[in-house]
Amino acid sequence: MLRRKGAYSRFKGFLESGDMLKSWYRFENDREQQALRSWCEENQIPLSDQLQQKRSPLLTTDKKDESRDQA
């Protein structure tokens, strides 16, 4: 889907034009958290209490949004 050079930046531009960029980052972050939690569970790696919360401070969308918005 995003194989060509510049495809992700065009995708981001499309999302920005529809005010959907923050929603995309939340979706992306949620899926990433699910994948990491599943991987940890499959590999019998316990998570700390802080990481077991749905929106842990270590995995927040806000920091990710800010760093990507500045790029």
N, C-alpha and C. Protein backbone atom coordinates (compact mmCIF):
# COMPACT_ATOMS: atom_id res chain seq x y z
N MET A 1 0.82 -1.19 0.00
CA MET A 1 0.00 0.00 0.00
C MET A 1 0.86 1.26 0.00
N LEU A 2 1.82 1.35 0.90
CA LEU A 2 2.66 2.55 0.99
C LEU A 2 4.10 2.21 0.58
N ARG A 3 4.25 1.68 -0.61
CA ARG A 3 5.57 1.21 -1.06
C ARG A 3 6.39 2.27 -1.77
N ARG A 4 5.76 3.18 -2.44
CA ARG A 4 6.50 4.17 -3.21
C ARG A 4 7.04 5.28 -2.32
N LYS A 5 8.13 5.86 -2.74
CA LYS A 5 8.74 6.96 -2.00
C LYS A 5 7.74 8.11 -1.88
N GLY A 6 7.59 8.61 -0.65
CA GLY A 6 6.68 9.73 -0.40
C GLY A 6 5.24 9.34 -0.18
N ALA A 7 4.94 8.04 -0.24
CA ALA A 7 3.55 7.60 -0.10
C ALA A 7 3.00 7.92 1.29
N TYR A 8 3.82 7.70 2.33
CA TYR A 8 3.33 7.95 3.68
C TYR A 8 3.09 9.44 3.89
N SER A 9 3.94 10.30 3.37
CA SER A 9 3.71 11.74 3.55
C SER A 9 2.47 12.19 2.78
N ARG A 10 2.19 11.59 1.62
CA ARG A 10 0.96 11.92 0.90
C ARG A 10 -0.26 11.43 1.69
N PHE A 11 -0.13 10.24 2.28
CA PHE A 11 -1.21 9.71 3.12
C PHE A 11 -1.47 10.64 4.30
N LYS A 12 -0.39 11.11 4.95
CA LYS A 12 -0.54 12.05 6.06
C LYS A 12 -1.21 13.33 5.58
N GLY A 13 -0.84 13.81 4.42
CA GLY A 13 -1.46 15.01 3.87
C GLY A 13 -2.95 14.82 3.64
N PHE A 14 -3.31 13.65 3.13
CA PHE A 14 -4.72 13.32 2.93
C PHE A 14 -5.46 13.34 4.26
N LEU A 15 -4.86 12.73 5.29
CA LEU A 15 -5.50 12.70 6.61
C LEU A 15 -5.62 14.09 7.20
N GLU A 16 -4.58 14.91 7.04
CA GLU A 16 -4.63 16.29 7.55
C GLU A 16 -5.74 17.08 6.87
N SER A 17 -5.91 16.89 5.58
CA SER A 17 -6.93 17.65 4.85
C SER A 17 -8.34 17.33 5.35
N GLY A 18 -8.52 16.18 5.92
CA GLY A 18 -9.83 15.80 6.46
C GLY A 18 -9.88 15.83 7.97
N ASP A 19 -8.90 16.48 8.61
CA ASP A 19 -8.82 16.55 10.08
C ASP A 19 -8.88 15.16 10.73
N MET A 20 -8.20 14.20 10.12
CA MET A 20 -8.23 12.83 10.63
C MET A 20 -6.87 12.36 11.14
N LEU A 21 -5.86 13.23 11.13
CA LEU A 21 -4.50 12.81 11.46
C LEU A 21 -4.38 12.33 12.91
N LYS A 22 -4.94 13.06 13.85
CA LYS A 22 -4.86 12.64 15.25
C LYS A 22 -5.59 11.31 15.48
N SER A 23 -6.71 11.13 14.79
CA SER A 23 -7.43 9.86 14.89
C SER A 23 -6.59 8.72 14.33
N TRP A 24 -5.89 8.99 13.24
CA TRP A 24 -5.01 7.98 12.66
C TRP A 24 -3.91 7.60 13.66
N TYR A 25 -3.28 8.59 14.29
CA TYR A 25 -2.22 8.29 15.25
C TYR A 25 -2.75 7.50 16.44
N ARG A 26 -3.97 7.82 16.89
CA ARG A 26 -4.57 7.03 17.98
C ARG A 26 -4.80 5.59 17.53
N PHE A 27 -5.36 5.41 16.34
CA PHE A 27 -5.59 4.07 15.80
C PHE A 27 -4.28 3.31 15.67
N GLU A 28 -3.28 3.95 15.09
CA GLU A 28 -1.98 3.32 14.90
C GLU A 28 -1.35 2.92 16.24
N ASN A 29 -1.44 3.81 17.21
CA ASN A 29 -0.88 3.54 18.54
C ASN A 29 -1.63 2.40 19.23
N ASP A 30 -2.95 2.39 19.13
CA ASP A 30 -3.74 1.31 19.74
C ASP A 30 -3.38 -0.04 19.15
N ARG A 31 -3.23 -0.11 17.83
CA ARG A 31 -2.87 -1.38 17.17
C ARG A 31 -1.46 -1.81 17.56
N GLU A 32 -0.57 -0.84 17.67
CA GLU A 32 0.80 -1.15 18.08
C GLU A 32 0.82 -1.71 19.50
N GLN A 33 0.05 -1.10 20.40
CA GLN A 33 -0.04 -1.59 21.77
C GLN A 33 -0.59 -3.01 21.81
N GLN A 34 -1.63 -3.27 21.02
CA GLN A 34 -2.22 -4.62 20.98
C GLN A 34 -1.19 -5.64 20.50
N ALA A 35 -0.44 -5.29 19.46
CA ALA A 35 0.57 -6.21 18.93
C ALA A 35 1.67 -6.47 19.95
N LEU A 36 2.12 -5.42 20.63
CA LEU A 36 3.17 -5.58 21.64
C LEU A 36 2.69 -6.41 22.83
N ARG A 37 1.46 -6.16 23.26
CA ARG A 37 0.90 -6.94 24.38
C ARG A 37 0.75 -8.42 23.99
N SER A 38 0.27 -8.68 22.79
CA SER A 38 0.13 -10.06 22.32
C SER A 38 1.49 -10.74 22.25
N TRP A 39 2.47 -10.03 21.71
CA TRP A 39 3.81 -10.59 21.60
C TRP A 39 4.37 -10.92 22.98
N CYS A 40 4.19 -10.01 23.93
CA CYS A 40 4.67 -10.25 25.30
C CYS A 40 3.97 -11.46 25.91
N GLU A 41 2.67 -11.55 25.70
CA GLU A 41 1.92 -12.68 26.24
C GLU A 41 2.39 -14.00 25.61
N GLU A 42 2.55 -14.03 24.30
CA GLU A 42 3.01 -15.23 23.60
C GLU A 42 4.41 -15.66 24.05
N ASN A 43 5.23 -14.69 24.41
CA ASN A 43 6.60 -14.98 24.82
C ASN A 43 6.76 -14.98 26.34
N GLN A 44 5.63 -15.00 27.04
CA GLN A 44 5.59 -15.10 28.50
C GLN A 44 6.44 -14.01 29.17
N ILE A 45 6.27 -12.80 28.67
CA ILE A 45 6.96 -11.64 29.24
C ILE A 45 5.93 -10.84 30.01
N PRO A 46 6.08 -10.77 31.33
CA PRO A 46 5.10 -10.03 32.14
C PRO A 46 5.23 -8.52 31.91
N LEU A 47 4.10 -7.84 31.95
CA LEU A 47 4.08 -6.38 31.84
C LEU A 47 3.97 -5.77 33.23
N SER A 48 4.57 -4.63 33.42
CA SER A 48 4.44 -3.94 34.71
C SER A 48 3.02 -3.43 34.86
N ASP A 49 2.62 -3.09 36.08
CA ASP A 49 1.27 -2.57 36.33
C ASP A 49 1.01 -1.34 35.48
N GLN A 50 2.02 -0.48 35.33
CA GLN A 50 1.86 0.74 34.58
C GLN A 50 1.57 0.43 33.10
N LEU A 51 2.20 -0.57 32.54
CA LEU A 51 1.98 -0.92 31.15
C LEU A 51 0.69 -1.67 30.92
N GLN A 52 0.11 -2.22 31.97
CA GLN A 52 -1.12 -2.97 31.82
C GLN A 52 -2.34 -2.05 31.69
N GLN A 53 -2.17 -0.77 32.02
CA GLN A 53 -3.26 0.18 31.85
C GLN A 53 -3.49 0.39 30.36
N LYS A 54 -4.73 0.65 29.98
CA LYS A 54 -5.06 0.80 28.56
C LYS A 54 -4.23 1.88 27.88
N ARG A 55 -4.13 3.04 28.47
CA ARG A 55 -3.37 4.14 27.89
C ARG A 55 -2.25 4.51 28.84
N SER A 56 -1.24 3.71 28.83
CA SER A 56 -0.12 3.90 29.73
C SER A 56 0.65 5.17 29.38
N PRO A 57 1.22 5.87 30.36
CA PRO A 57 2.02 7.06 30.09
C PRO A 57 3.22 6.76 29.19
N LEU A 58 3.68 5.53 29.19
CA LEU A 58 4.82 5.18 28.35
C LEU A 58 4.42 4.97 26.90
N LEU A 59 3.13 4.78 26.65
CA LEU A 59 2.67 4.50 25.30
C LEU A 59 1.56 5.46 24.89
N THR A 60 1.69 6.72 25.24
CA THR A 60 0.62 7.67 24.94
C THR A 60 0.67 8.13 23.49
N THR A 61 -0.44 8.58 23.01
CA THR A 61 -0.52 9.10 21.65
C THR A 61 0.03 10.52 21.58
N ASP A 62 -0.11 11.29 22.65
CA ASP A 62 0.26 12.70 22.62
C ASP A 62 1.72 12.91 22.21
N LYS A 63 2.64 12.19 22.82
CA LYS A 63 4.05 12.36 22.49
C LYS A 63 4.30 11.96 21.05
N LYS A 64 3.67 10.91 20.59
CA LYS A 64 3.83 10.44 19.22
C LYS A 64 3.27 11.49 18.26
N ASP A 65 2.10 12.05 18.59
CA ASP A 65 1.48 13.06 17.75
C ASP A 65 2.39 14.27 17.62
N GLU A 66 2.93 14.74 18.74
CA GLU A 66 3.77 15.93 18.73
C GLU A 66 5.00 15.72 17.88
N SER A 67 5.68 14.58 18.04
CA SER A 67 6.89 14.35 17.30
C SER A 67 6.60 14.23 15.81
N ARG A 68 5.49 13.61 15.44
CA ARG A 68 5.15 13.46 14.02
C ARG A 68 4.64 14.77 13.44
N ASP A 69 3.92 15.57 14.23
CA ASP A 69 3.41 16.82 13.73
C ASP A 69 4.54 17.80 13.40
N GLN A 70 5.65 17.67 14.12
CA GLN A 70 6.78 18.56 13.90
C GLN A 70 7.59 18.15 12.69
N ALA A 71 7.45 16.91 12.24
CA ALA A 71 8.25 16.41 11.11
C ALA A 71 7.79 16.97 9.80
